[in-house]
């Protein structure tokens, strides 16, 4: 049976080459995240300061796969 992956939300703090990012999770942990294939194919840009959903394996909690980029909440924007 397949293992259940844990899904967390976090903030991108640092960008590395080849689609790797340092992500600070909401619980305070720092992990290394890489972009999933779907995000690569869709050419979705992820920059430091973006909020993302990240999927973490129960076997290695120091790495995770970024599966979704959350929309920005612009409270300062003037409409």
PDB file of N, CA and C in Angstrom:
ATOM      1  N   UNK A   1       0.834  -1.183   0.000  1.00  0.00           N
ATOM      2  CA  UNK A   1       0.000   0.000   0.000  1.00  0.00           C
ATOM      3  C   UNK A   1       0.879   1.247   0.000  1.00  0.00           C
ATOM      4  N   UNK A   2       0.415   2.274  -0.667  1.00  0.00           N
ATOM      5  CA  UNK A   2       1.175   3.507  -0.768  1.00  0.00           C
ATOM      6  C   UNK A   2       1.187   4.258   0.558  1.00  0.00           C
ATOM      7  N   UNK A   3       2.340   4.852   0.857  1.00  0.00           N
ATOM      8  CA  UNK A   3       2.452   5.663   2.069  1.00  0.00           C
ATOM      9  C   UNK A   3       1.772   7.002   1.869  1.00  0.00           C
ATOM     10  N   UNK A   4       1.158   7.510   2.916  1.00  0.00           N
ATOM     11  CA  UNK A   4       0.482   8.800   2.877  1.00  0.00           C
ATOM     12  C   UNK A   4       1.515   9.912   3.023  1.00  0.00           C
ATOM     13  N   UNK A   5       1.508  10.862   2.104  1.00  0.00           N
ATOM     14  CA  UNK A   5       2.420  11.994   2.177  1.00  0.00           C
ATOM     15  C   UNK A   5       1.773  13.111   2.991  1.00  0.00           C
ATOM     16  N   UNK A   6       2.581  13.845   3.723  1.00  0.00           N
ATOM     17  CA  UNK A   6       2.102  14.954   4.538  1.00  0.00           C
ATOM     18  C   UNK A   6       2.142  16.226   3.707  1.00  0.00           C
ATOM     19  N   UNK A   7       1.070  16.998   3.713  1.00  0.00           N
ATOM     20  CA  UNK A   7       1.012  18.246   2.953  1.00  0.00           C
ATOM     21  C   UNK A   7       1.055  19.407   3.936  1.00  0.00           C
ATOM     22  N   UNK A   8       2.030  20.299   3.724  1.00  0.00           N
ATOM     23  CA  UNK A   8       2.215  21.481   4.568  1.00  0.00           C
ATOM     24  C   UNK A   8       2.158  22.722   3.693  1.00  0.00           C
ATOM     25  N   UNK A   9       1.982  23.873   4.339  1.00  0.00           N
ATOM     26  CA  UNK A   9       2.105  25.155   3.650  1.00  0.00           C
ATOM     27  C   UNK A   9       3.340  25.844   4.186  1.00  0.00           C
ATOM     28  N   UNK A  10       3.971  26.638   3.315  1.00  0.00           N
ATOM     29  CA  UNK A  10       5.181  27.322   3.745  1.00  0.00           C
ATOM     30  C   UNK A  10       5.499  28.509   2.871  1.00  0.00           C
ATOM     31  N   UNK A  11       6.602  29.172   3.200  1.00  0.00           N
ATOM     32  CA  UNK A  11       7.052  30.380   2.517  1.00  0.00           C
ATOM     33  C   UNK A  11       8.412  30.109   1.900  1.00  0.00           C
ATOM     34  N   UNK A  12       8.572  30.466   0.630  1.00  0.00           N
ATOM     35  CA  UNK A  12       9.856  30.320  -0.047  1.00  0.00           C
ATOM     36  C   UNK A  12      10.794  31.394   0.496  1.00  0.00           C
ATOM     37  N   UNK A  13      11.950  30.979   1.025  1.00  0.00           N
ATOM     38  CA  UNK A  13      12.888  31.945   1.577  1.00  0.00           C
ATOM     39  C   UNK A  13      14.122  32.135   0.713  1.00  0.00           C
ATOM     40  N   UNK A  14      14.487  31.092  -0.059  1.00  0.00           N
ATOM     41  CA  UNK A  14      15.719  31.152  -0.837  1.00  0.00           C
ATOM     42  C   UNK A  14      15.545  30.307  -2.092  1.00  0.00           C
ATOM     43  N   UNK A  15      16.188  30.740  -3.184  1.00  0.00           N
ATOM     44  CA  UNK A  15      16.101  30.031  -4.453  1.00  0.00           C
ATOM     45  C   UNK A  15      17.471  29.462  -4.819  1.00  0.00           C
ATOM     46  N   UNK A  16      17.499  28.212  -5.267  1.00  0.00           N
ATOM     47  CA  UNK A  16      18.717  27.545  -5.707  1.00  0.00           C
ATOM     48  C   UNK A  16      18.558  27.152  -7.174  1.00  0.00           C
ATOM     49  N   UNK A  17      19.640  26.753  -7.852  1.00  0.00           N
ATOM     50  CA  UNK A  17      19.520  26.316  -9.244  1.00  0.00           C
ATOM     51  C   UNK A  17      18.684  25.040  -9.391  1.00  0.00           C
ATOM     52  N   UNK A  18      18.229  24.802 -10.611  1.00  0.00           N
ATOM     53  CA  UNK A  18      17.494  23.588 -10.990  1.00  0.00           C
ATOM     54  C   UNK A  18      16.186  23.393 -10.239  1.00  0.00           C
ATOM     55  N   UNK A  19      15.481  24.473  -9.957  1.00  0.00           N
ATOM     56  CA  UNK A  19      14.158  24.361  -9.360  1.00  0.00           C
ATOM     57  C   UNK A  19      14.151  23.913  -7.920  1.00  0.00           C
ATOM     58  N   UNK A  20      15.198  24.227  -7.173  1.00  0.00           N
ATOM     59  CA  UNK A  20      15.266  23.884  -5.758  1.00  0.00           C
ATOM     60  C   UNK A  20      15.066  25.152  -4.936  1.00  0.00           C
ATOM     61  N   UNK A  21      14.384  25.026  -3.815  1.00  0.00           N
ATOM     62  CA  UNK A  21      14.071  26.179  -2.979  1.00  0.00           C
ATOM     63  C   UNK A  21      14.199  25.805  -1.513  1.00  0.00           C
ATOM     64  N   UNK A  22      14.560  26.791  -0.695  1.00  0.00           N
ATOM     65  CA  UNK A  22      14.515  26.632   0.765  1.00  0.00           C
ATOM     66  C   UNK A  22      13.137  27.113   1.197  1.00  0.00           C
ATOM     67  N   UNK A  23      12.398  26.274   1.920  1.00  0.00           N
ATOM     68  CA  UNK A  23      11.029  26.572   2.314  1.00  0.00           C
ATOM     69  C   UNK A  23      10.931  26.563   3.841  1.00  0.00           C
ATOM     70  N   UNK A  24      10.364  27.630   4.397  1.00  0.00           N
ATOM     71  CA  UNK A  24      10.081  27.671   5.840  1.00  0.00           C
ATOM     72  C   UNK A  24       8.612  27.303   6.017  1.00  0.00           C
ATOM     73  N   UNK A  25       8.386  26.153   6.647  1.00  0.00           N
ATOM     74  CA  UNK A  25       7.023  25.681   6.865  1.00  0.00           C
ATOM     75  C   UNK A  25       6.350  26.511   7.944  1.00  0.00           C
ATOM     76  N   UNK A  26       5.035  26.424   8.009  1.00  0.00           N
ATOM     77  CA  UNK A  26       4.278  27.184   9.002  1.00  0.00           C
ATOM     78  C   UNK A  26       4.609  26.751  10.432  1.00  0.00           C
ATOM     79  N   UNK A  27       5.091  25.521  10.606  1.00  0.00           N
ATOM     80  CA  UNK A  27       5.461  25.068  11.953  1.00  0.00           C
ATOM     81  C   UNK A  27       6.888  25.476  12.327  1.00  0.00           C
ATOM     82  N   UNK A  28       7.594  26.182  11.421  1.00  0.00           N
ATOM     83  CA  UNK A  28       8.924  26.707  11.712  1.00  0.00           C
ATOM     84  C   UNK A  28      10.073  25.896  11.153  1.00  0.00           C
ATOM     85  N   UNK A  29       9.823  24.705  10.615  1.00  0.00           N
ATOM     86  CA  UNK A  29      10.894  23.872  10.067  1.00  0.00           C
ATOM     87  C   UNK A  29      11.391  24.444   8.743  1.00  0.00           C
ATOM     88  N   UNK A  30      12.691  24.284   8.472  1.00  0.00           N
ATOM     89  CA  UNK A  30      13.289  24.652   7.190  1.00  0.00           C
ATOM     90  C   UNK A  30      13.566  23.377   6.415  1.00  0.00           C
ATOM     91  N   UNK A  31      13.030  23.279   5.190  1.00  0.00           N
ATOM     92  CA  UNK A  31      13.279  22.095   4.374  1.00  0.00           C
ATOM     93  C   UNK A  31      13.673  22.523   2.967  1.00  0.00           C
ATOM     94  N   UNK A  32      14.221  21.586   2.204  1.00  0.00           N
ATOM     95  CA  UNK A  32      14.601  21.815   0.824  1.00  0.00           C
ATOM     96  C   UNK A  32      13.464  21.304  -0.060  1.00  0.00           C
ATOM     97  N   UNK A  33      12.923  22.173  -0.903  1.00  0.00           N
ATOM     98  CA  UNK A  33      11.810  21.784  -1.763  1.00  0.00           C
ATOM     99  C   UNK A  33      12.214  21.831  -3.228  1.00  0.00           C
ATOM    100  N   UNK A  34      11.667  20.916  -4.008  1.00  0.00           N
ATOM    101  CA  UNK A  34      11.899  20.923  -5.449  1.00  0.00           C
ATOM    102  C   UNK A  34      10.553  20.984  -6.159  1.00  0.00           C
ATOM    103  N   UNK A  35      10.570  21.504  -7.369  1.00  0.00           N
ATOM    104  CA  UNK A  35       9.337  21.736  -8.123  1.00  0.00           C
ATOM    105  C   UNK A  35       8.830  20.422  -8.719  1.00  0.00           C
ATOM    106  N   UNK A  36       7.530  20.187  -8.625  1.00  0.00           N
ATOM    107  CA  UNK A  36       6.942  18.991  -9.230  1.00  0.00           C
ATOM    108  C   UNK A  36       6.908  19.158 -10.755  1.00  0.00           C
ATOM    109  N   UNK A  37       6.745  18.050 -11.444  1.00  0.00           N
ATOM    110  CA  UNK A  37       6.749  18.067 -12.902  1.00  0.00           C
ATOM    111  C   UNK A  37       5.613  18.866 -13.506  1.00  0.00           C
ATOM    112  N   UNK A  38       4.441  18.849 -12.861  1.00  0.00           N
ATOM    113  CA  UNK A  38       3.284  19.587 -13.363  1.00  0.00           C
ATOM    114  C   UNK A  38       3.545  21.092 -13.351  1.00  0.00           C
ATOM    115  N   UNK A  39       4.194  21.581 -12.290  1.00  0.00           N
ATOM    116  CA  UNK A  39       4.509  23.007 -12.200  1.00  0.00           C
ATOM    117  C   UNK A  39       5.558  23.372 -13.242  1.00  0.00           C
ATOM    118  N   UNK A  40       6.537  22.500 -13.460  1.00  0.00           N
ATOM    119  CA  UNK A  40       7.552  22.739 -14.503  1.00  0.00           C
ATOM    120  C   UNK A  40       6.904  22.829 -15.891  1.00  0.00           C
ATOM    121  N   UNK A  41       6.027  21.872 -16.191  1.00  0.00           N
ATOM    122  CA  UNK A  41       5.372  21.840 -17.499  1.00  0.00           C
ATOM    123  C   UNK A  41       4.513  23.064 -17.743  1.00  0.00           C
ATOM    124  N   UNK A  42       3.883  23.571 -16.687  1.00  0.00           N
ATOM    125  CA  UNK A  42       2.994  24.725 -16.821  1.00  0.00           C
ATOM    126  C   UNK A  42       3.732  26.052 -16.782  1.00  0.00           C
ATOM    127  N   UNK A  43       5.062  26.025 -16.632  1.00  0.00           N
ATOM    128  CA  UNK A  43       5.908  27.228 -16.580  1.00  0.00           C
ATOM    129  C   UNK A  43       5.463  28.194 -15.489  1.00  0.00           C
ATOM    130  N   UNK A  44       5.077  27.660 -14.333  1.00  0.00           N
ATOM    131  CA  UNK A  44       4.681  28.505 -13.210  1.00  0.00           C
ATOM    132  C   UNK A  44       5.945  28.984 -12.512  1.00  0.00           C
ATOM    133  N   UNK A  45       6.083  30.291 -12.371  1.00  0.00           N
ATOM    134  CA  UNK A  45       7.264  30.885 -11.755  1.00  0.00           C
ATOM    135  C   UNK A  45       7.075  30.937 -10.246  1.00  0.00           C
ATOM    136  N   UNK A  46       8.078  30.492  -9.545  1.00  0.00           N
ATOM    137  CA  UNK A  46       8.072  30.549  -8.085  1.00  0.00           C
ATOM    138  C   UNK A  46       9.271  31.380  -7.664  1.00  0.00           C
ATOM    139  N   UNK A  47       9.025  32.384  -6.842  1.00  0.00           N
ATOM    140  CA  UNK A  47      10.060  33.308  -6.398  1.00  0.00           C
ATOM    141  C   UNK A  47      10.101  33.353  -4.876  1.00  0.00           C
ATOM    142  N   UNK A  48      11.216  33.804  -4.308  1.00  0.00           N
ATOM    143  CA  UNK A  48      11.247  33.984  -2.853  1.00  0.00           C
ATOM    144  C   UNK A  48      10.143  34.949  -2.403  1.00  0.00           C
ATOM    145  N   UNK A  49       9.471  34.592  -1.333  1.00  0.00           N
ATOM    146  CA  UNK A  49       8.343  35.367  -0.844  1.00  0.00           C
ATOM    147  C   UNK A  49       7.003  34.759  -1.196  1.00  0.00           C
ATOM    148  N   UNK A  50       6.971  33.788  -2.104  1.00  0.00           N
ATOM    149  CA  UNK A  50       5.719  33.116  -2.481  1.00  0.00           C
ATOM    150  C   UNK A  50       5.347  32.071  -1.428  1.00  0.00           C
ATOM    151  N   UNK A  51       4.052  31.876  -1.249  1.00  0.00           N
ATOM    152  CA  UNK A  51       3.552  30.816  -0.373  1.00  0.00           C
ATOM    153  C   UNK A  51       3.209  29.609  -1.235  1.00  0.00           C
ATOM    154  N   UNK A  52       3.567  28.424  -0.759  1.00  0.00           N
ATOM    155  CA  UNK A  52       3.378  27.194  -1.526  1.00  0.00           C
ATOM    156  C   UNK A  52       2.832  26.089  -0.637  1.00  0.00           C
ATOM    157  N   UNK A  53       2.254  25.074  -1.304  1.00  0.00           N
ATOM    158  CA  UNK A  53       1.911  23.816  -0.642  1.00  0.00           C
ATOM    159  C   UNK A  53       3.020  22.849  -1.000  1.00  0.00           C
ATOM    160  N   UNK A  54       3.483  22.113  -0.010  1.00  0.00           N
ATOM    161  CA  UNK A  54       4.600  21.197  -0.228  1.00  0.00           C
ATOM    162  C   UNK A  54       4.262  19.832   0.354  1.00  0.00           C
ATOM    163  N   UNK A  55       4.625  18.799  -0.378  1.00  0.00           N
ATOM    164  CA  UNK A  55       4.325  17.420  -0.016  1.00  0.00           C
ATOM    165  C   UNK A  55       5.603  16.799   0.554  1.00  0.00           C
ATOM    166  N   UNK A  56       5.541  16.303   1.788  1.00  0.00           N
ATOM    167  CA  UNK A  56       6.720  15.784   2.469  1.00  0.00           C
ATOM    168  C   UNK A  56       6.519  14.294   2.742  1.00  0.00           C
ATOM    169  N   UNK A  57       7.530  13.505   2.429  1.00  0.00           N
ATOM    170  CA  UNK A  57       7.480  12.074   2.681  1.00  0.00           C
ATOM    171  C   UNK A  57       7.695  11.800   4.168  1.00  0.00           C
ATOM    172  N   UNK A  58       7.036  10.791   4.710  1.00  0.00           N
ATOM    173  CA  UNK A  58       7.270  10.468   6.126  1.00  0.00           C
ATOM    174  C   UNK A  58       8.655   9.886   6.376  1.00  0.00           C
ATOM    175  N   UNK A  59       9.356   9.437   5.317  1.00  0.00           N
ATOM    176  CA  UNK A  59      10.674   8.832   5.475  1.00  0.00           C
ATOM    177  C   UNK A  59      11.780   9.873   5.551  1.00  0.00           C
ATOM    178  N   UNK A  60      11.672  10.968   4.783  1.00  0.00           N
ATOM    179  CA  UNK A  60      12.703  12.005   4.776  1.00  0.00           C
ATOM    180  C   UNK A  60      12.013  13.353   4.944  1.00  0.00           C
ATOM    181  N   UNK A  61      12.037  13.866   6.156  1.00  0.00           N
ATOM    182  CA  UNK A  61      11.321  15.116   6.436  1.00  0.00           C
ATOM    183  C   UNK A  61      12.157  16.358   6.151  1.00  0.00           C
ATOM    184  N   UNK A  62      13.327  16.199   5.518  1.00  0.00           N
ATOM    185  CA  UNK A  62      14.162  17.354   5.187  1.00  0.00           C
ATOM    186  C   UNK A  62      13.992  17.797   3.746  1.00  0.00           C
ATOM    187  N   UNK A  63      13.267  17.011   2.931  1.00  0.00           N
ATOM    188  CA  UNK A  63      13.039  17.334   1.525  1.00  0.00           C
ATOM    189  C   UNK A  63      11.555  17.195   1.221  1.00  0.00           C
ATOM    190  N   UNK A  64      11.093  17.983   0.242  1.00  0.00           N
ATOM    191  CA  UNK A  64       9.699  17.888  -0.146  1.00  0.00           C
ATOM    192  C   UNK A  64       9.492  18.339  -1.573  1.00  0.00           C
ATOM    193  N   UNK A  65       8.323  18.025  -2.119  1.00  0.00           N
ATOM    194  CA  UNK A  65       7.981  18.394  -3.488  1.00  0.00           C
ATOM    195  C   UNK A  65       6.933  19.493  -3.454  1.00  0.00           C
ATOM    196  N   UNK A  66       7.232  20.601  -4.141  1.00  0.00           N
ATOM    197  CA  UNK A  66       6.301  21.729  -4.209  1.00  0.00           C
ATOM    198  C   UNK A  66       5.226  21.374  -5.216  1.00  0.00           C
ATOM    199  N   UNK A  67       3.965  21.337  -4.748  1.00  0.00           N
ATOM    200  CA  UNK A  67       2.879  20.880  -5.612  1.00  0.00           C
ATOM    201  C   UNK A  67       1.914  21.992  -5.993  1.00  0.00           C
ATOM    202  N   UNK A  68       1.973  23.157  -5.308  1.00  0.00           N
ATOM    203  CA  UNK A  68       1.002  24.211  -5.596  1.00  0.00           C
ATOM    204  C   UNK A  68       1.554  25.548  -5.133  1.00  0.00           C
ATOM    205  N   UNK A  69       1.378  26.570  -5.938  1.00  0.00           N
ATOM    206  CA  UNK A  69       1.745  27.934  -5.554  1.00  0.00           C
ATOM    207  C   UNK A  69       0.469  28.651  -5.159  1.00  0.00           C
ATOM    208  N   UNK A  70       0.398  29.107  -3.927  1.00  0.00           N
ATOM    209  CA  UNK A  70      -0.809  29.750  -3.425  1.00  0.00           C
ATOM    210  C   UNK A  70      -0.933  31.164  -3.982  1.00  0.00           C
ATOM    211  N   UNK A  71      -2.153  31.633  -4.232  1.00  0.00           N
ATOM    212  CA  UNK A  71      -2.335  32.994  -4.752  1.00  0.00           C
ATOM    213  C   UNK A  71      -1.960  34.034  -3.693  1.00  0.00           C
ATOM    214  N   UNK A  72      -1.538  35.188  -4.198  1.00  0.00           N
ATOM    215  CA  UNK A  72      -1.175  36.302  -3.309  1.00  0.00           C
ATOM    216  C   UNK A  72      -2.422  36.940  -2.736  1.00  0.00           C
ATOM    217  N   UNK A  73      -2.347  37.372  -1.497  1.00  0.00           N
ATOM    218  CA  UNK A  73      -3.409  38.157  -0.876  1.00  0.00           C
ATOM    219  C   UNK A  73      -2.931  39.598  -0.811  1.00  0.00           C
ATOM    220  N   UNK A  74      -3.289  40.395  -1.803  1.00  0.00           N
ATOM    221  CA  UNK A  74      -2.853  41.788  -1.865  1.00  0.00           C
ATOM    222  C   UNK A  74      -3.824  42.656  -1.094  1.00  0.00           C
ATOM    223  N   UNK A  75      -3.522  42.894   0.169  1.00  0.00           N
ATOM    224  CA  UNK A  75      -4.382  43.749   0.986  1.00  0.00           C
ATOM    225  C   UNK A  75      -4.042  45.223   0.771  1.00  0.00           C
ATOM    226  N   UNK A  76      -2.842  45.495   0.236  1.00  0.00           N
ATOM    227  CA  UNK A  76      -2.408  46.865   0.020  1.00  0.00           C
ATOM    228  C   UNK A  76      -2.811  47.397  -1.352  1.00  0.00           C
ATOM    229  N   UNK A  77      -3.351  46.536  -2.217  1.00  0.00           N
ATOM    230  CA  UNK A  77      -3.672  46.996  -3.568  1.00  0.00           C
ATOM    231  C   UNK A  77      -4.884  47.930  -3.551  1.00  0.00           C
ATOM    232  N   UNK A  78      -4.835  48.925  -4.431  1.00  0.00           N
ATOM    233  CA  UNK A  78      -5.945  49.883  -4.545  1.00  0.00           C
ATOM    234  C   UNK A  78      -6.725  49.568  -5.805  1.00  0.00           C
ATOM    235  N   UNK A  79      -8.004  49.285  -5.642  1.00  0.00           N
ATOM    236  CA  UNK A  79      -8.865  48.955  -6.797  1.00  0.00           C
ATOM    237  C   UNK A  79      -9.684  50.139  -7.222  1.00  0.00           C
TER     238      UNK A  79
END
